[in-house]
């Protein structure tokens, strides 16, 4: 039998593909999928997300709003740059 291989590492996915053949509809065919080894590596290698990008985004929005407020105040007061 020709077993499907993992698209990432080339590992043959025998159990899943055999179960899919023996019991159709119970297991998704693994052809073109990712094997358990790759999935395990992927889940272990997930870095802990830091809140720095969100913080930077909020600071940027705050700076922009503040700059807009200053510009508006200066325009009302007639200050020239």
N, C-alpha and C. Protein backbone atom coordinates (compact mmCIF):
# COMPACT_ATOMS: atom_id res chain seq x y z
N UNK A 1 0.84 -1.19 0.00
CA UNK A 1 0.00 0.00 0.00
C UNK A 1 0.88 1.26 0.00
N UNK A 2 0.44 2.28 -0.68
CA UNK A 2 1.20 3.52 -0.75
C UNK A 2 0.66 4.48 0.31
N UNK A 3 1.46 4.71 1.37
CA UNK A 3 1.02 5.58 2.46
C UNK A 3 1.30 7.04 2.12
N UNK A 4 0.41 7.93 2.53
CA UNK A 4 0.68 9.36 2.30
C UNK A 4 1.80 9.84 3.22
N UNK A 5 2.57 10.79 2.73
CA UNK A 5 3.68 11.34 3.51
C UNK A 5 3.33 12.73 4.01
N UNK A 6 3.97 13.10 5.10
CA UNK A 6 3.78 14.43 5.67
C UNK A 6 4.32 15.47 4.70
N UNK A 7 3.60 16.56 4.54
CA UNK A 7 4.03 17.60 3.61
C UNK A 7 5.22 18.38 4.15
N UNK A 8 5.46 18.32 5.47
CA UNK A 8 6.54 19.09 6.07
C UNK A 8 7.84 18.29 6.18
N UNK A 9 7.76 17.06 6.75
CA UNK A 9 9.00 16.31 7.01
C UNK A 9 9.11 15.03 6.17
N UNK A 10 8.07 14.64 5.46
CA UNK A 10 8.14 13.45 4.64
C UNK A 10 7.88 12.16 5.41
N UNK A 11 7.51 12.26 6.68
CA UNK A 11 7.22 11.09 7.50
C UNK A 11 5.98 10.37 6.97
N UNK A 12 6.06 9.04 6.86
CA UNK A 12 4.90 8.28 6.37
C UNK A 12 3.86 8.16 7.48
N UNK A 13 2.62 8.49 7.16
CA UNK A 13 1.56 8.50 8.16
C UNK A 13 0.72 7.23 8.02
N UNK A 14 1.23 6.13 8.54
CA UNK A 14 0.62 4.83 8.32
C UNK A 14 -0.67 4.63 9.09
N UNK A 15 -0.67 4.91 10.38
CA UNK A 15 -1.84 4.60 11.21
C UNK A 15 -3.08 5.35 10.74
N UNK A 16 -2.95 6.66 10.58
CA UNK A 16 -4.10 7.46 10.17
C UNK A 16 -4.61 7.04 8.81
N UNK A 17 -3.69 6.84 7.86
CA UNK A 17 -4.12 6.50 6.50
C UNK A 17 -4.76 5.12 6.47
N UNK A 18 -4.21 4.16 7.25
CA UNK A 18 -4.78 2.81 7.27
C UNK A 18 -6.18 2.83 7.89
N UNK A 19 -6.34 3.59 8.98
CA UNK A 19 -7.66 3.68 9.60
C UNK A 19 -8.66 4.33 8.66
N UNK A 20 -8.19 5.29 7.89
CA UNK A 20 -9.08 5.96 6.94
C UNK A 20 -9.54 4.98 5.86
N UNK A 21 -8.64 4.05 5.49
CA UNK A 21 -9.00 3.07 4.47
C UNK A 21 -9.95 2.02 5.05
N UNK A 22 -9.63 1.54 6.28
CA UNK A 22 -10.44 0.49 6.90
C UNK A 22 -11.81 0.98 7.33
N UNK A 23 -11.87 2.19 7.85
CA UNK A 23 -13.14 2.74 8.35
C UNK A 23 -13.38 4.09 7.72
N UNK A 24 -13.92 4.13 6.52
CA UNK A 24 -14.11 5.43 5.85
C UNK A 24 -15.06 6.33 6.65
N UNK A 25 -14.71 7.61 6.71
CA UNK A 25 -15.55 8.58 7.39
C UNK A 25 -15.17 8.80 8.84
N UNK A 26 -14.35 7.93 9.43
CA UNK A 26 -13.99 8.11 10.84
C UNK A 26 -12.74 8.97 11.00
N UNK A 27 -11.83 8.89 10.05
CA UNK A 27 -10.58 9.64 10.12
C UNK A 27 -10.40 10.37 8.81
N UNK A 28 -9.98 11.62 8.90
CA UNK A 28 -9.69 12.34 7.66
C UNK A 28 -8.46 11.72 7.02
N UNK A 29 -8.44 11.51 5.72
CA UNK A 29 -7.24 10.99 5.07
C UNK A 29 -6.08 11.95 5.30
N UNK A 30 -4.92 11.40 5.58
CA UNK A 30 -3.77 12.23 5.96
C UNK A 30 -3.00 12.77 4.76
N UNK A 31 -3.42 12.46 3.56
CA UNK A 31 -2.69 12.93 2.38
C UNK A 31 -2.63 14.45 2.36
N UNK A 32 -1.45 14.98 2.21
CA UNK A 32 -1.29 16.43 2.16
C UNK A 32 -1.40 17.08 3.52
N UNK A 33 -1.35 16.27 4.60
CA UNK A 33 -1.47 16.82 5.94
C UNK A 33 -0.14 16.93 6.64
N UNK A 34 -0.21 17.17 7.94
CA UNK A 34 0.98 17.28 8.77
C UNK A 34 0.94 16.14 9.78
N UNK A 35 2.07 15.44 9.92
CA UNK A 35 2.11 14.27 10.81
C UNK A 35 2.13 14.68 12.28
N UNK A 36 1.96 13.68 13.14
CA UNK A 36 1.92 13.94 14.58
C UNK A 36 3.25 14.46 15.09
N UNK A 37 4.35 14.02 14.49
CA UNK A 37 5.68 14.48 14.92
C UNK A 37 5.80 15.98 14.69
N UNK A 38 5.42 16.43 13.50
CA UNK A 38 5.50 17.87 13.19
C UNK A 38 4.56 18.66 14.08
N UNK A 39 3.34 18.15 14.28
CA UNK A 39 2.39 18.86 15.13
C UNK A 39 2.93 18.99 16.53
N UNK A 40 3.55 17.92 17.03
CA UNK A 40 4.10 17.95 18.38
C UNK A 40 5.20 19.00 18.48
N UNK A 41 6.08 19.03 17.47
CA UNK A 41 7.15 20.03 17.46
C UNK A 41 6.56 21.43 17.42
N UNK A 42 5.53 21.59 16.60
CA UNK A 42 4.91 22.90 16.43
C UNK A 42 4.31 23.41 17.74
N UNK A 43 3.60 22.52 18.46
CA UNK A 43 2.96 22.96 19.70
C UNK A 43 3.98 23.22 20.79
N UNK A 44 5.08 22.48 20.79
CA UNK A 44 6.11 22.71 21.80
C UNK A 44 6.90 23.99 21.53
N UNK A 45 7.06 24.31 20.28
CA UNK A 45 7.93 25.43 19.91
C UNK A 45 7.21 26.77 19.90
N UNK A 46 5.95 26.80 20.31
CA UNK A 46 5.22 28.07 20.30
C UNK A 46 5.83 29.04 21.31
N UNK A 47 6.28 30.20 20.88
CA UNK A 47 6.82 31.16 21.84
C UNK A 47 5.70 31.78 22.66
N UNK A 48 6.02 32.19 23.87
CA UNK A 48 5.02 32.85 24.71
C UNK A 48 4.79 34.24 24.14
N UNK A 49 3.54 34.56 23.77
CA UNK A 49 3.29 35.87 23.18
C UNK A 49 3.47 36.99 24.22
N UNK A 50 4.17 38.01 23.84
CA UNK A 50 4.37 39.15 24.73
C UNK A 50 3.40 40.26 24.36
N UNK A 51 3.09 41.09 25.30
CA UNK A 51 2.12 42.16 25.07
C UNK A 51 2.77 43.42 24.52
N UNK A 52 4.04 43.33 24.14
CA UNK A 52 4.77 44.51 23.68
C UNK A 52 4.17 45.11 22.40
N UNK A 53 3.84 44.27 21.37
CA UNK A 53 3.28 44.89 20.16
C UNK A 53 1.99 45.65 20.44
N UNK A 54 1.09 45.08 21.26
CA UNK A 54 -0.15 45.77 21.59
C UNK A 54 0.13 47.06 22.34
N UNK A 55 1.07 46.98 23.27
CA UNK A 55 1.42 48.16 24.06
C UNK A 55 1.96 49.25 23.14
N UNK A 56 2.85 48.85 22.23
CA UNK A 56 3.41 49.82 21.29
C UNK A 56 2.31 50.44 20.43
N UNK A 57 1.36 49.60 20.01
CA UNK A 57 0.26 50.10 19.19
C UNK A 57 -0.54 51.14 19.95
N UNK A 58 -0.87 50.83 21.21
CA UNK A 58 -1.67 51.76 22.01
C UNK A 58 -0.91 53.05 22.28
N UNK A 59 0.41 52.92 22.52
CA UNK A 59 1.21 54.13 22.73
C UNK A 59 1.24 54.98 21.47
N UNK A 60 1.33 54.31 20.32
CA UNK A 60 1.35 55.03 19.05
C UNK A 60 0.04 55.78 18.83
N UNK A 61 -1.07 55.09 19.13
CA UNK A 61 -2.38 55.73 18.99
C UNK A 61 -2.48 56.93 19.93
N UNK A 62 -1.98 56.74 21.17
CA UNK A 62 -2.04 57.83 22.15
C UNK A 62 -1.19 59.01 21.68
N UNK A 63 0.01 58.72 21.15
CA UNK A 63 0.88 59.80 20.66
C UNK A 63 0.20 60.55 19.52
N UNK A 64 -0.41 59.80 18.61
CA UNK A 64 -1.08 60.41 17.47
C UNK A 64 -2.23 61.28 17.94
N UNK A 65 -3.02 60.77 18.89
CA UNK A 65 -4.15 61.53 19.41
C UNK A 65 -3.65 62.79 20.11
N UNK A 66 -2.58 62.66 20.89
CA UNK A 66 -2.03 63.81 21.61
C UNK A 66 -1.50 64.84 20.62
N UNK A 67 -0.80 64.36 19.59
CA UNK A 67 -0.26 65.27 18.58
C UNK A 67 -1.41 66.00 17.87
N UNK A 68 -2.49 65.25 17.59
CA UNK A 68 -3.65 65.87 16.96
C UNK A 68 -4.28 66.91 17.86
N UNK A 69 -4.33 66.62 19.16
CA UNK A 69 -4.92 67.55 20.12
C UNK A 69 -4.08 68.82 20.20
N UNK A 70 -2.74 68.65 20.24
CA UNK A 70 -1.83 69.80 20.30
C UNK A 70 -1.98 70.65 19.04
N UNK A 71 -2.03 69.97 17.88
CA UNK A 71 -2.19 70.69 16.61
C UNK A 71 -3.48 71.49 16.60
N UNK A 72 -4.55 70.86 17.06
CA UNK A 72 -5.86 71.52 17.08
C UNK A 72 -5.83 72.72 18.04
N UNK A 73 -5.22 72.56 19.20
CA UNK A 73 -5.12 73.65 20.19
C UNK A 73 -4.31 74.80 19.61
N UNK A 74 -3.18 74.47 18.98
CA UNK A 74 -2.34 75.51 18.39
C UNK A 74 -3.08 76.25 17.28
N UNK A 75 -3.87 75.52 16.49
CA UNK A 75 -4.62 76.15 15.40
C UNK A 75 -5.63 77.13 15.98
N UNK A 76 -6.30 76.70 17.07
CA UNK A 76 -7.30 77.58 17.70
C UNK A 76 -6.65 78.84 18.29
N UNK A 77 -5.45 78.65 18.84
CA UNK A 77 -4.75 79.78 19.46
C UNK A 77 -4.03 80.66 18.42
N UNK A 78 -3.94 80.17 17.19
CA UNK A 78 -3.30 80.94 16.14
C UNK A 78 -1.78 80.85 16.15
N UNK A 79 -1.26 79.75 16.75
CA UNK A 79 0.20 79.57 16.81
C UNK A 79 0.68 79.08 15.45
N UNK A 80 1.75 79.73 14.94
CA UNK A 80 2.31 79.30 13.66
C UNK A 80 3.57 78.49 13.92
N UNK A 81 3.74 77.44 13.11
CA UNK A 81 4.92 76.57 13.30
C UNK A 81 6.16 77.21 12.74
